[in-house]
């Protein structure tokens, strides 16, 4: 009985690792992890109110 439980846990962990590995998608293809988008921020060279 112990072998069956241990085998089930190992198979479940391997399945979870495979599922999480397949789900990661960081190439902006949609879903999964997305790359951050850089937004330009305007910067003043001289202070206002001279």
N, C-alpha and C. Protein backbone atom coordinates (compact mmCIF):
# COMPACT_ATOMS: atom_id res chain seq x y z
N UNK A 1 0.83 -1.20 0.00
CA UNK A 1 0.00 0.00 0.00
C UNK A 1 0.87 1.26 0.00
N UNK A 2 1.98 1.21 0.74
CA UNK A 2 2.88 2.36 0.79
C UNK A 2 3.46 2.66 -0.59
N UNK A 3 3.79 1.60 -1.33
CA UNK A 3 4.36 1.80 -2.66
C UNK A 3 3.36 2.48 -3.59
N UNK A 4 2.09 2.12 -3.48
CA UNK A 4 1.06 2.72 -4.32
C UNK A 4 0.90 4.20 -4.01
N UNK A 5 0.90 4.56 -2.74
CA UNK A 5 0.77 5.96 -2.34
C UNK A 5 1.99 6.75 -2.80
N UNK A 6 3.17 6.20 -2.59
CA UNK A 6 4.40 6.87 -3.01
C UNK A 6 4.44 7.04 -4.53
N UNK A 7 4.05 6.02 -5.27
CA UNK A 7 4.01 6.11 -6.73
C UNK A 7 3.01 7.17 -7.18
N UNK A 8 1.86 7.24 -6.53
CA UNK A 8 0.84 8.24 -6.87
C UNK A 8 1.34 9.65 -6.61
N UNK A 9 2.05 9.85 -5.50
CA UNK A 9 2.59 11.17 -5.18
C UNK A 9 3.64 11.57 -6.20
N UNK A 10 4.52 10.65 -6.57
CA UNK A 10 5.56 10.95 -7.57
C UNK A 10 4.94 11.29 -8.91
N UNK A 11 3.96 10.52 -9.34
CA UNK A 11 3.29 10.80 -10.62
C UNK A 11 2.57 12.14 -10.55
N UNK A 12 1.93 12.45 -9.44
CA UNK A 12 1.24 13.73 -9.30
C UNK A 12 2.23 14.89 -9.34
N UNK A 13 3.37 14.76 -8.68
CA UNK A 13 4.38 15.82 -8.70
C UNK A 13 4.97 16.01 -10.08
N UNK A 14 5.25 14.91 -10.78
CA UNK A 14 5.77 15.02 -12.15
C UNK A 14 4.73 15.67 -13.07
N UNK A 15 3.48 15.31 -12.91
CA UNK A 15 2.42 15.92 -13.71
C UNK A 15 2.28 17.40 -13.42
N UNK A 16 2.39 17.79 -12.16
CA UNK A 16 2.31 19.20 -11.79
C UNK A 16 3.49 19.98 -12.37
N UNK A 17 4.69 19.41 -12.30
CA UNK A 17 5.87 20.08 -12.86
C UNK A 17 5.74 20.24 -14.37
N UNK A 18 5.24 19.22 -15.04
CA UNK A 18 5.05 19.30 -16.50
C UNK A 18 4.00 20.35 -16.85
N UNK A 19 2.90 20.38 -16.09
CA UNK A 19 1.82 21.33 -16.35
C UNK A 19 2.29 22.76 -16.14
N UNK A 20 3.04 23.01 -15.07
CA UNK A 20 3.55 24.36 -14.82
C UNK A 20 4.59 24.75 -15.86
N UNK A 21 5.40 23.80 -16.30
CA UNK A 21 6.40 24.10 -17.34
C UNK A 21 5.77 24.40 -18.67
N UNK A 22 4.70 23.71 -19.02
CA UNK A 22 4.02 23.95 -20.29
C UNK A 22 3.25 25.26 -20.26
N UNK A 23 2.80 25.68 -19.09
CA UNK A 23 1.97 26.87 -18.98
C UNK A 23 2.76 28.17 -19.00
N UNK A 24 4.07 28.13 -18.79
CA UNK A 24 4.83 29.37 -18.76
C UNK A 24 5.10 29.83 -20.18
N UNK A 25 4.73 31.06 -20.46
CA UNK A 25 4.82 31.60 -21.81
C UNK A 25 5.20 33.07 -21.69
N UNK A 26 6.49 33.37 -21.76
CA UNK A 26 6.93 34.74 -21.54
C UNK A 26 7.38 35.42 -22.84
N UNK A 27 6.82 35.06 -23.97
CA UNK A 27 7.22 35.68 -25.22
C UNK A 27 6.10 36.56 -25.80
N UNK A 28 5.23 37.07 -24.93
CA UNK A 28 4.11 37.92 -25.32
C UNK A 28 3.19 37.24 -26.32
N UNK A 29 3.13 35.92 -26.31
CA UNK A 29 2.25 35.19 -27.20
C UNK A 29 0.84 35.08 -26.65
N UNK A 30 0.59 35.64 -25.50
CA UNK A 30 -0.73 35.59 -24.89
C UNK A 30 -0.76 34.56 -23.78
N UNK A 31 -1.26 34.97 -22.63
CA UNK A 31 -1.35 34.07 -21.49
C UNK A 31 -0.01 33.86 -20.83
N UNK A 32 -0.01 33.33 -19.66
CA UNK A 32 1.23 33.05 -18.94
C UNK A 32 1.92 34.33 -18.50
N UNK A 33 3.21 34.27 -18.32
CA UNK A 33 3.97 35.43 -17.90
C UNK A 33 4.18 36.36 -19.08
N UNK A 34 4.01 37.65 -18.86
CA UNK A 34 4.15 38.62 -19.94
C UNK A 34 5.34 39.53 -19.67
N UNK A 35 6.00 39.96 -20.73
CA UNK A 35 7.10 40.91 -20.61
C UNK A 35 6.52 42.29 -20.26
N UNK A 36 7.17 43.04 -19.36
CA UNK A 36 6.66 44.38 -19.05
C UNK A 36 6.86 45.33 -20.24
N UNK A 37 5.96 46.27 -20.38
CA UNK A 37 6.04 47.26 -21.46
C UNK A 37 6.61 48.54 -20.86
N UNK A 38 7.66 49.07 -21.47
CA UNK A 38 8.25 50.31 -21.00
C UNK A 38 7.48 51.49 -21.60
N UNK A 39 7.08 52.41 -20.73
CA UNK A 39 6.33 53.59 -21.15
C UNK A 39 7.23 54.80 -20.98
N UNK A 40 7.40 55.63 -22.03
CA UNK A 40 8.25 56.82 -21.90
C UNK A 40 7.63 57.83 -20.94
N UNK A 41 8.47 58.42 -20.09
CA UNK A 41 8.02 59.42 -19.13
C UNK A 41 8.66 60.75 -19.51
N UNK A 42 7.86 61.80 -19.75
CA UNK A 42 8.45 63.09 -20.11
C UNK A 42 9.22 63.68 -18.93
N UNK A 43 10.40 64.24 -19.22
CA UNK A 43 11.25 64.83 -18.19
C UNK A 43 11.57 66.26 -18.61
N UNK A 44 11.41 67.21 -17.67
CA UNK A 44 11.72 68.62 -17.96
C UNK A 44 13.20 68.86 -17.69
N UNK A 45 13.83 69.59 -18.61
CA UNK A 45 15.25 69.91 -18.42
C UNK A 45 15.44 71.10 -17.49
N UNK A 46 14.51 72.04 -17.53
CA UNK A 46 14.62 73.26 -16.73
C UNK A 46 13.41 73.36 -15.82
N UNK A 47 13.61 73.84 -14.58
CA UNK A 47 12.46 73.97 -13.67
C UNK A 47 11.49 75.06 -14.15
N UNK A 48 10.23 74.87 -13.85
CA UNK A 48 9.21 75.86 -14.23
C UNK A 48 9.23 77.03 -13.26
N UNK A 49 8.71 78.17 -13.72
CA UNK A 49 8.55 79.33 -12.83
C UNK A 49 9.80 80.18 -12.71
N UNK A 50 10.53 80.34 -13.77
CA UNK A 50 11.72 81.21 -13.71
C UNK A 50 11.34 82.64 -13.71
